[in-house]
C-alpha atoms as a PDB file:
ATOM      1  CA  MET A   1      84.371   8.283 131.955  1.00  0.00           C
ATOM      2  CA  ASN A   2      81.473  10.705 131.657  1.00  0.00           C
ATOM      3  CA  ASN A   3      79.544  10.912 128.467  1.00  0.00           C
ATOM      4  CA  PHE A   4      79.566  14.381 126.979  1.00  0.00           C
ATOM      5  CA  ASN A   5      76.022  15.662 126.333  1.00  0.00           C
ATOM      6  CA  PHE A   6      76.035  18.503 123.822  1.00  0.00           C
ATOM      7  CA  ASN A   7      72.436  19.533 124.462  1.00  0.00           C
ATOM      8  CA  ARG A   8      72.983  19.708 128.297  1.00  0.00           C
ATOM      9  CA  GLU A   9      76.114  21.790 127.871  1.00  0.00           C
ATOM     10  CA  TRP A  10      74.309  24.108 125.399  1.00  0.00           C
ATOM     11  CA  GLY A  11      71.483  24.471 127.895  1.00  0.00           C
ATOM     12  CA  PHE A  12      74.080  25.421 130.563  1.00  0.00           C
ATOM     13  CA  ILE A  13      75.470  28.148 128.364  1.00  0.00           C
ATOM     14  CA  THR A  14      72.116  29.596 127.330  1.00  0.00           C
ATOM     15  CA  ALA A  15      70.790  29.485 130.917  1.00  0.00           C
ATOM     16  CA  GLU A  16      73.841  31.376 132.168  1.00  0.00           C
ATOM     17  CA  THR A  17      73.738  33.868 129.320  1.00  0.00           C
ATOM     18  CA  HIS A  18      69.995  34.638 129.681  1.00  0.00           C
ATOM     19  CA  SER A  19      69.933  34.835 133.492  1.00  0.00           C
ATOM     20  CA  LYS A  20      68.969  38.214 134.890  1.00  0.00           C
ATOM     21  CA  LYS A  21      72.241  38.398 136.824  1.00  0.00           C
ATOM     22  CA  PHE A  22      74.286  38.072 133.624  1.00  0.00           C
ATOM     23  CA  LYS A  23      74.097  41.776 132.866  1.00  0.00           C
ATOM     24  CA  LYS A  24      75.760  42.511 136.199  1.00  0.00           C
ATOM     25  CA  THR A  25      78.557  39.928 135.900  1.00  0.00           C
ATOM     26  CA  VAL A  26      82.148  40.976 135.496  1.00  0.00           C
ATOM     27  CA  LEU A  27      83.514  41.172 131.957  1.00  0.00           C
ATOM     28  CA  ILE A  28      85.795  38.161 132.349  1.00  0.00           C
ATOM     29  CA  LYS A  29      82.904  35.857 133.044  1.00  0.00           C
ATOM     30  CA  ARG A  30      81.039  37.099 130.023  1.00  0.00           C
ATOM     31  CA  GLU A  31      84.163  36.529 127.876  1.00  0.00           C
ATOM     32  CA  ILE A  32      84.556  33.058 129.296  1.00  0.00           C
ATOM     33  CA  LEU A  33      80.960  32.205 128.384  1.00  0.00           C
ATOM     34  CA  PHE A  34      81.588  33.551 124.812  1.00  0.00           C
ATOM     35  CA  GLY A  35      84.689  31.252 124.650  1.00  0.00           C
ATOM     36  CA  LEU A  36      82.568  28.360 125.840  1.00  0.00           C
ATOM     37  CA  GLN A  37      80.131  28.969 123.052  1.00  0.00           C
ATOM     38  CA  ILE A  38      82.943  28.990 120.447  1.00  0.00           C
ATOM     39  CA  LEU A  39      84.572  25.781 121.803  1.00  0.00           C
ATOM     40  CA  LEU A  40      81.320  23.915 122.052  1.00  0.00           C
ATOM     41  CA  SER A  41      80.393  24.833 118.475  1.00  0.00           C
ATOM     42  CA  LYS A  42      83.694  23.431 117.243  1.00  0.00           C
ATOM     43  CA  LEU A  43      83.357  20.362 119.566  1.00  0.00           C
ATOM     44  CA  GLU A  44      86.620  20.993 121.268  1.00  0.00           C
ATOM     45  CA  ILE A  45      85.588  18.980 124.234  1.00  0.00           C
ATOM     46  CA  LYS A  46      88.870  18.992 126.141  1.00  0.00           C
ATOM     47  CA  ASN A  47      89.334  22.705 125.935  1.00  0.00           C
ATOM     48  CA  TYR A  48      85.651  23.318 126.619  1.00  0.00           C
ATOM     49  CA  LEU A  49      85.694  21.421 129.849  1.00  0.00           C
ATOM     50  CA  ALA A  50      88.871  23.149 131.014  1.00  0.00           C
ATOM     51  CA  LEU A  51      87.331  26.571 130.403  1.00  0.00           C
ATOM     52  CA  LYS A  52      84.106  25.583 132.042  1.00  0.00           C
ATOM     53  CA  LYS A  53      86.123  24.528 135.160  1.00  0.00           C
ATOM     54  CA  ILE A  54      87.575  28.085 135.214  1.00  0.00           C
ATOM     55  CA  TYR A  55      84.149  29.656 134.760  1.00  0.00           C
ATOM     56  CA  ARG A  56      82.707  27.665 137.641  1.00  0.00           C
ATOM     57  CA  ALA A  57      85.639  28.678 139.867  1.00  0.00           C
ATOM     58  CA  GLU A  58      85.033  32.327 138.967  1.00  0.00           C
ATOM     59  CA  LYS A  59      81.351  31.932 139.624  1.00  0.00           C
ATOM     60  CA  SER A  60      81.857  30.628 143.187  1.00  0.00           C
ATOM     61  CA  GLU A  61      84.181  33.485 144.178  1.00  0.00           C
ATOM     62  CA  PRO A  62      82.509  36.902 143.865  1.00  0.00           C
ATOM     63  CA  ARG A  63      85.054  39.617 143.197  1.00  0.00           C
ATOM     64  CA  TYR A  64      83.773  43.040 144.052  1.00  0.00           C
END
């Protein structure tokens, strides 16, 4: 089982949010990042990891 590292996950969210390409991302990806912030702040690890998996799937498939 992987150990959950709060600081690493928070670093992931802030890096994605502050990246230059963030302003050009589709709305759903920005909403998912917002949801990730909420879930992480409440330490809902199971839901956080499920939503992060969705975000990464959206990130790998550009939809233009």
